[in-house]
Amino acid sequence: MRKDVRKFGTSDKRGRSSTNADPFLPHEGTKEGSLCTSCNAGYHQKRWTTDVDICRQLQAQSAPHRVICPACQKIAANYPEGIVTLTGSYLWEHEAEIQQILKNEESKAFARNPQERIIRMTKGDGRLIIETTEEKLAEHLGRVLHRSHRGELKINWTGNPEICRVSWERML
């Protein structure tokens, strides 16, 4: 009897179906040495990076391949893969501090992986909604906020394609 072993990534090698449903990742892959025309991130060793030395090397090439990275495409298309909804009276009493925590965490995530970004933050109906380019970033923001300010945290992975919906609430 065979175990169901799921593989991660976008490979359909040996007849396996693709496990990554991100419509903004090119099926044929990104050309090594590419530069994003929007955010200046470089594609090096199968990863997007903002490392200054690597990006300078890529720009110094005679004809670097210019593309728009998947995160910039998601931002332009308003295509969130993660949605964080913050509510409660505590939120509005500590709004500046909470927004600063979220921005700091986004900066840390961006330094590790330039594909993890906040698309936008919107206020309305007593809620603060944060949309992210990656579902793991949404989950991370919710967990960091819960760890620093407590409250009630709910994480839900639903939809096709899968979207991470995080809700955090705290009353005074």
C-alpha atoms as a PDB file:
ATOM      1  CA  MET A   1       0.000   0.000   0.000  1.00  0.00           C
ATOM      2  CA  ARG A   2       1.428   3.385  -1.041  1.00  0.00           C
ATOM      3  CA  LYS A   3       1.479   6.424   1.203  1.00  0.00           C
ATOM      4  CA  ASP A   4       0.125   9.681  -0.168  1.00  0.00           C
ATOM      5  CA  VAL A   5       3.268  11.810  -0.271  1.00  0.00           C
ATOM      6  CA  ARG A   6       2.729  15.386  -1.390  1.00  0.00           C
ATOM      7  CA  LYS A   7       5.574  17.274  -2.974  1.00  0.00           C
ATOM      8  CA  PHE A   8       6.026  21.008  -2.709  1.00  0.00           C
ATOM      9  CA  GLY A   9       6.846  23.352  -5.563  1.00  0.00           C
ATOM     10  CA  THR A  10       5.729  23.857  -9.127  1.00  0.00           C
ATOM     11  CA  SER A  11       7.270  20.778 -10.696  1.00  0.00           C
ATOM     12  CA  ASP A  12       5.159  18.352 -12.680  1.00  0.00           C
ATOM     13  CA  LYS A  13       8.134  16.038 -12.965  1.00  0.00           C
ATOM     14  CA  ARG A  14       7.345  12.357 -13.445  1.00  0.00           C
ATOM     15  CA  GLY A  15       3.645  12.942 -13.942  1.00  0.00           C
ATOM     16  CA  ARG A  16       2.968  14.726 -10.650  1.00  0.00           C
ATOM     17  CA  SER A  17       0.479  17.516 -10.851  1.00  0.00           C
ATOM     18  CA  SER A  18       1.530  21.035  -9.945  1.00  0.00           C
ATOM     19  CA  THR A  19       1.075  21.835  -6.256  1.00  0.00           C
ATOM     20  CA  ASN A  20       1.494  25.585  -6.612  1.00  0.00           C
ATOM     21  CA  ALA A  21      -1.550  27.371  -8.015  1.00  0.00           C
ATOM     22  CA  ASP A  22      -0.067  30.888  -8.123  1.00  0.00           C
ATOM     23  CA  PRO A  23      -1.162  32.316 -11.505  1.00  0.00           C
ATOM     24  CA  PHE A  24       1.617  34.916 -11.451  1.00  0.00           C
ATOM     25  CA  LEU A  25       4.485  32.426 -11.405  1.00  0.00           C
ATOM     26  CA  PRO A  26       5.602  31.692 -14.964  1.00  0.00           C
ATOM     27  CA  HIS A  27       5.067  28.017 -15.764  1.00  0.00           C
ATOM     28  CA  GLU A  28       8.359  27.782 -17.649  1.00  0.00           C
ATOM     29  CA  GLY A  29      10.251  29.535 -14.825  1.00  0.00           C
ATOM     30  CA  THR A  30      12.031  32.853 -14.655  1.00  0.00           C
ATOM     31  CA  LYS A  31      15.261  33.375 -16.561  1.00  0.00           C
ATOM     32  CA  GLU A  32      18.330  33.415 -14.310  1.00  0.00           C
ATOM     33  CA  GLY A  33      19.781  36.911 -13.902  1.00  0.00           C
ATOM     34  CA  SER A  34      16.467  38.749 -14.365  1.00  0.00           C
ATOM     35  CA  LEU A  35      15.745  42.147 -12.819  1.00  0.00           C
ATOM     36  CA  CYS A  36      12.315  43.471 -11.879  1.00  0.00           C
ATOM     37  CA  THR A  37      11.622  46.762 -13.634  1.00  0.00           C
ATOM     38  CA  SER A  38       9.267  47.840 -10.856  1.00  0.00           C
ATOM     39  CA  CYS A  39      11.025  47.064  -7.542  1.00  0.00           C
ATOM     40  CA  ASN A  40      14.609  46.357  -8.766  1.00  0.00           C
ATOM     41  CA  ALA A  41      14.703  42.910  -7.155  1.00  0.00           C
ATOM     42  CA  GLY A  42      17.005  40.429  -8.836  1.00  0.00           C
ATOM     43  CA  TYR A  43      16.412  36.782  -9.685  1.00  0.00           C
ATOM     44  CA  HIS A  44      19.509  34.839  -8.671  1.00  0.00           C
ATOM     45  CA  GLN A  45      19.883  31.081  -8.034  1.00  0.00           C
ATOM     46  CA  LYS A  46      16.143  30.486  -8.438  1.00  0.00           C
ATOM     47  CA  ARG A  47      15.202  33.101  -5.827  1.00  0.00           C
ATOM     48  CA  TRP A  48      14.162  36.731  -5.877  1.00  0.00           C
ATOM     49  CA  THR A  49      16.484  38.871  -3.799  1.00  0.00           C
ATOM     50  CA  THR A  50      17.115  42.500  -2.884  1.00  0.00           C
ATOM     51  CA  ASP A  51      20.765  41.882  -1.961  1.00  0.00           C
ATOM     52  CA  VAL A  52      22.542  45.055  -3.107  1.00  0.00           C
ATOM     53  CA  ASP A  53      25.689  43.284  -4.336  1.00  0.00           C
ATOM     54  CA  ILE A  54      23.770  40.712  -6.380  1.00  0.00           C
ATOM     55  CA  CYS A  55      21.493  43.364  -7.908  1.00  0.00           C
ATOM     56  CA  ARG A  56      24.513  45.502  -8.868  1.00  0.00           C
ATOM     57  CA  GLN A  57      26.130  42.495 -10.534  1.00  0.00           C
ATOM     58  CA  LEU A  58      22.948  41.799 -12.484  1.00  0.00           C
ATOM     59  CA  GLN A  59      22.641  45.457 -13.545  1.00  0.00           C
ATOM     60  CA  ALA A  60      26.286  45.470 -14.651  1.00  0.00           C
ATOM     61  CA  GLN A  61      25.603  42.696 -17.161  1.00  0.00           C
ATOM     62  CA  SER A  62      25.552  43.835 -20.766  1.00  0.00           C
ATOM     63  CA  ALA A  63      21.837  43.066 -21.220  1.00  0.00           C
ATOM     64  CA  PRO A  64      20.054  41.920 -18.059  1.00  0.00           C
ATOM     65  CA  HIS A  65      16.695  40.290 -18.671  1.00  0.00           C
ATOM     66  CA  ARG A  66      14.009  42.768 -17.547  1.00  0.00           C
ATOM     67  CA  VAL A  67      10.728  41.389 -16.151  1.00  0.00           C
ATOM     68  CA  ILE A  68       8.070  42.325 -13.632  1.00  0.00           C
ATOM     69  CA  CYS A  69       8.339  40.071 -10.583  1.00  0.00           C
ATOM     70  CA  PRO A  70       5.267  38.108  -9.406  1.00  0.00           C
ATOM     71  CA  ALA A  71       4.802  40.331  -6.324  1.00  0.00           C
ATOM     72  CA  CYS A  72       4.695  43.510  -8.415  1.00  0.00           C
ATOM     73  CA  GLN A  73       2.223  41.811 -10.772  1.00  0.00           C
ATOM     74  CA  LYS A  74      -0.014  40.881  -7.816  1.00  0.00           C
ATOM     75  CA  ILE A  75       0.117  44.447  -6.506  1.00  0.00           C
ATOM     76  CA  ALA A  76      -0.767  45.868  -9.930  1.00  0.00           C
ATOM     77  CA  ALA A  77      -3.640  43.400 -10.323  1.00  0.00           C
ATOM     78  CA  ASN A  78      -4.869  43.837  -6.712  1.00  0.00           C
ATOM     79  CA  TYR A  79      -4.575  40.068  -6.238  1.00  0.00           C
ATOM     80  CA  PRO A  80      -4.224  39.293  -2.509  1.00  0.00           C
ATOM     81  CA  GLU A  81      -3.314  35.797  -1.351  1.00  0.00           C
ATOM     82  CA  GLY A  82      -3.684  36.774   2.300  1.00  0.00           C
ATOM     83  CA  ILE A  83      -6.235  38.988   4.024  1.00  0.00           C
ATOM     84  CA  VAL A  84      -5.831  40.149   7.620  1.00  0.00           C
ATOM     85  CA  THR A  85      -8.866  41.768   9.268  1.00  0.00           C
ATOM     86  CA  LEU A  86      -8.337  43.643  12.538  1.00  0.00           C
ATOM     87  CA  THR A  87     -11.272  44.749  14.693  1.00  0.00           C
ATOM     88  CA  GLY A  88     -12.115  45.891  18.204  1.00  0.00           C
ATOM     89  CA  SER A  89     -11.923  49.011  20.300  1.00  0.00           C
ATOM     90  CA  TYR A  90      -8.360  48.154  21.381  1.00  0.00           C
ATOM     91  CA  LEU A  91      -7.246  48.477  17.756  1.00  0.00           C
ATOM     92  CA  TRP A  92      -8.284  52.119  17.496  1.00  0.00           C
ATOM     93  CA  GLU A  93      -6.712  53.020  20.861  1.00  0.00           C
ATOM     94  CA  HIS A  94      -3.376  51.551  19.704  1.00  0.00           C
ATOM     95  CA  GLU A  95      -3.675  52.013  15.940  1.00  0.00           C
ATOM     96  CA  ALA A  96      -0.344  53.763  15.349  1.00  0.00           C
ATOM     97  CA  GLU A  97       1.589  51.181  17.357  1.00  0.00           C
ATOM     98  CA  ILE A  98      -0.152  48.251  15.625  1.00  0.00           C
ATOM     99  CA  GLN A  99       0.427  49.699  12.150  1.00  0.00           C
ATOM    100  CA  GLN A 100       4.094  50.222  13.001  1.00  0.00           C
ATOM    101  CA  ILE A 101       4.406  46.580  14.110  1.00  0.00           C
ATOM    102  CA  LEU A 102       2.836  45.439  10.838  1.00  0.00           C
ATOM    103  CA  LYS A 103       5.135  47.659   8.744  1.00  0.00           C
ATOM    104  CA  ASN A 104       8.216  46.451  10.642  1.00  0.00           C
ATOM    105  CA  GLU A 105       7.245  42.819  10.102  1.00  0.00           C
ATOM    106  CA  GLU A 106       6.654  43.487   6.406  1.00  0.00           C
ATOM    107  CA  SER A 107      10.141  45.046   6.151  1.00  0.00           C
ATOM    108  CA  LYS A 108      11.708  41.974   7.782  1.00  0.00           C
ATOM    109  CA  ALA A 109       9.773  39.633   5.502  1.00  0.00           C
ATOM    110  CA  PHE A 110      10.693  41.709   2.421  1.00  0.00           C
ATOM    111  CA  ALA A 111      14.385  41.517   3.359  1.00  0.00           C
ATOM    112  CA  ARG A 112      14.147  37.699   3.473  1.00  0.00           C
ATOM    113  CA  ASN A 113      11.890  37.332   0.434  1.00  0.00           C
ATOM    114  CA  PRO A 114      10.927  40.327  -1.757  1.00  0.00           C
ATOM    115  CA  GLN A 115       7.802  38.444  -2.865  1.00  0.00           C
ATOM    116  CA  GLU A 116       6.224  38.954   0.588  1.00  0.00           C
ATOM    117  CA  ARG A 117       4.616  42.388   0.689  1.00  0.00           C
ATOM    118  CA  ILE A 118       1.590  44.252   1.907  1.00  0.00           C
ATOM    119  CA  ILE A 119      -0.549  45.282  -1.054  1.00  0.00           C
ATOM    120  CA  ARG A 120      -2.608  47.807   0.881  1.00  0.00           C
ATOM    121  CA  MET A 121      -4.154  48.700   4.236  1.00  0.00           C
ATOM    122  CA  THR A 122      -7.728  49.994   4.231  1.00  0.00           C
ATOM    123  CA  LYS A 123      -9.923  51.302   7.031  1.00  0.00           C
ATOM    124  CA  GLY A 124     -13.680  51.047   7.031  1.00  0.00           C
ATOM    125  CA  ASP A 125     -16.686  49.826   9.007  1.00  0.00           C
ATOM    126  CA  GLY A 126     -14.646  49.671  12.224  1.00  0.00           C
ATOM    127  CA  ARG A 127     -12.064  47.371  10.635  1.00  0.00           C
ATOM    128  CA  LEU A 128      -8.515  47.611   9.390  1.00  0.00           C
ATOM    129  CA  ILE A 129      -7.949  45.270   6.434  1.00  0.00           C
ATOM    130  CA  ILE A 130      -4.454  44.331   5.286  1.00  0.00           C
ATOM    131  CA  GLU A 131      -4.004  42.497   1.972  1.00  0.00           C
ATOM    132  CA  THR A 132      -0.755  40.623   1.314  1.00  0.00           C
ATOM    133  CA  THR A 133       0.921  39.086  -1.731  1.00  0.00           C
ATOM    134  CA  GLU A 134       1.691  35.819   0.096  1.00  0.00           C
ATOM    135  CA  GLU A 135      -0.585  33.797   2.352  1.00  0.00           C
ATOM    136  CA  LYS A 136       2.204  33.001   4.823  1.00  0.00           C
ATOM    137  CA  LEU A 137       2.836  36.714   5.379  1.00  0.00           C
ATOM    138  CA  ALA A 138      -0.809  37.198   6.375  1.00  0.00           C
ATOM    139  CA  GLU A 139      -0.564  34.325   8.846  1.00  0.00           C
ATOM    140  CA  HIS A 140       2.716  35.707  10.210  1.00  0.00           C
ATOM    141  CA  LEU A 141       1.277  39.216  10.707  1.00  0.00           C
ATOM    142  CA  GLY A 142      -1.668  37.780  12.625  1.00  0.00           C
ATOM    143  CA  ARG A 143       0.569  35.674  14.863  1.00  0.00           C
ATOM    144  CA  VAL A 144       2.940  38.568  15.605  1.00  0.00           C
ATOM    145  CA  LEU A 145       0.025  40.832  16.487  1.00  0.00           C
ATOM    146  CA  HIS A 146      -1.495  38.150  18.715  1.00  0.00           C
ATOM    147  CA  ARG A 147       1.847  37.558  20.440  1.00  0.00           C
ATOM    148  CA  SER A 148       2.417  41.253  21.150  1.00  0.00           C
ATOM    149  CA  HIS A 149      -1.154  42.418  21.918  1.00  0.00           C
ATOM    150  CA  ARG A 150      -3.100  39.215  22.723  1.00  0.00           C
ATOM    151  CA  GLY A 151      -6.713  39.270  21.609  1.00  0.00           C
ATOM    152  CA  GLU A 152      -8.587  36.599  19.668  1.00  0.00           C
ATOM    153  CA  LEU A 153      -6.880  35.223  16.547  1.00  0.00           C
ATOM    154  CA  LYS A 154      -8.533  33.060  13.879  1.00  0.00           C
ATOM    155  CA  ILE A 155      -6.727  31.701  10.830  1.00  0.00           C
ATOM    156  CA  ASN A 156      -8.698  30.185   7.973  1.00  0.00           C
ATOM    157  CA  TRP A 157      -7.289  28.656   4.767  1.00  0.00           C
ATOM    158  CA  THR A 158     -10.101  28.524   2.209  1.00  0.00           C
ATOM    159  CA  GLY A 159     -10.959  29.082  -1.408  1.00  0.00           C
ATOM    160  CA  ASN A 160      -9.715  28.035  -4.780  1.00  0.00           C
ATOM    161  CA  PRO A 161      -7.042  29.311  -5.150  1.00  0.00           C
ATOM    162  CA  GLU A 162      -6.280  28.987  -1.467  1.00  0.00           C
ATOM    163  CA  ILE A 163      -6.373  32.276   0.436  1.00  0.00           C
ATOM    164  CA  CYS A 164      -5.326  32.762   4.042  1.00  0.00           C
ATOM    165  CA  ARG A 165      -7.906  34.767   5.951  1.00  0.00           C
ATOM    166  CA  VAL A 166      -6.751  35.994   9.335  1.00  0.00           C
ATOM    167  CA  SER A 167      -9.014  37.796  11.775  1.00  0.00           C
ATOM    168  CA  TRP A 168      -7.835  39.425  14.982  1.00  0.00           C
ATOM    169  CA  GLU A 169     -10.057  41.118  17.524  1.00  0.00           C
ATOM    170  CA  ARG A 170      -9.505  42.678  20.921  1.00  0.00           C
ATOM    171  CA  MET A 171     -11.772  44.787  22.995  1.00  0.00           C
ATOM    172  CA  LEU A 172     -10.553  47.144  25.714  1.00  0.00           C
END
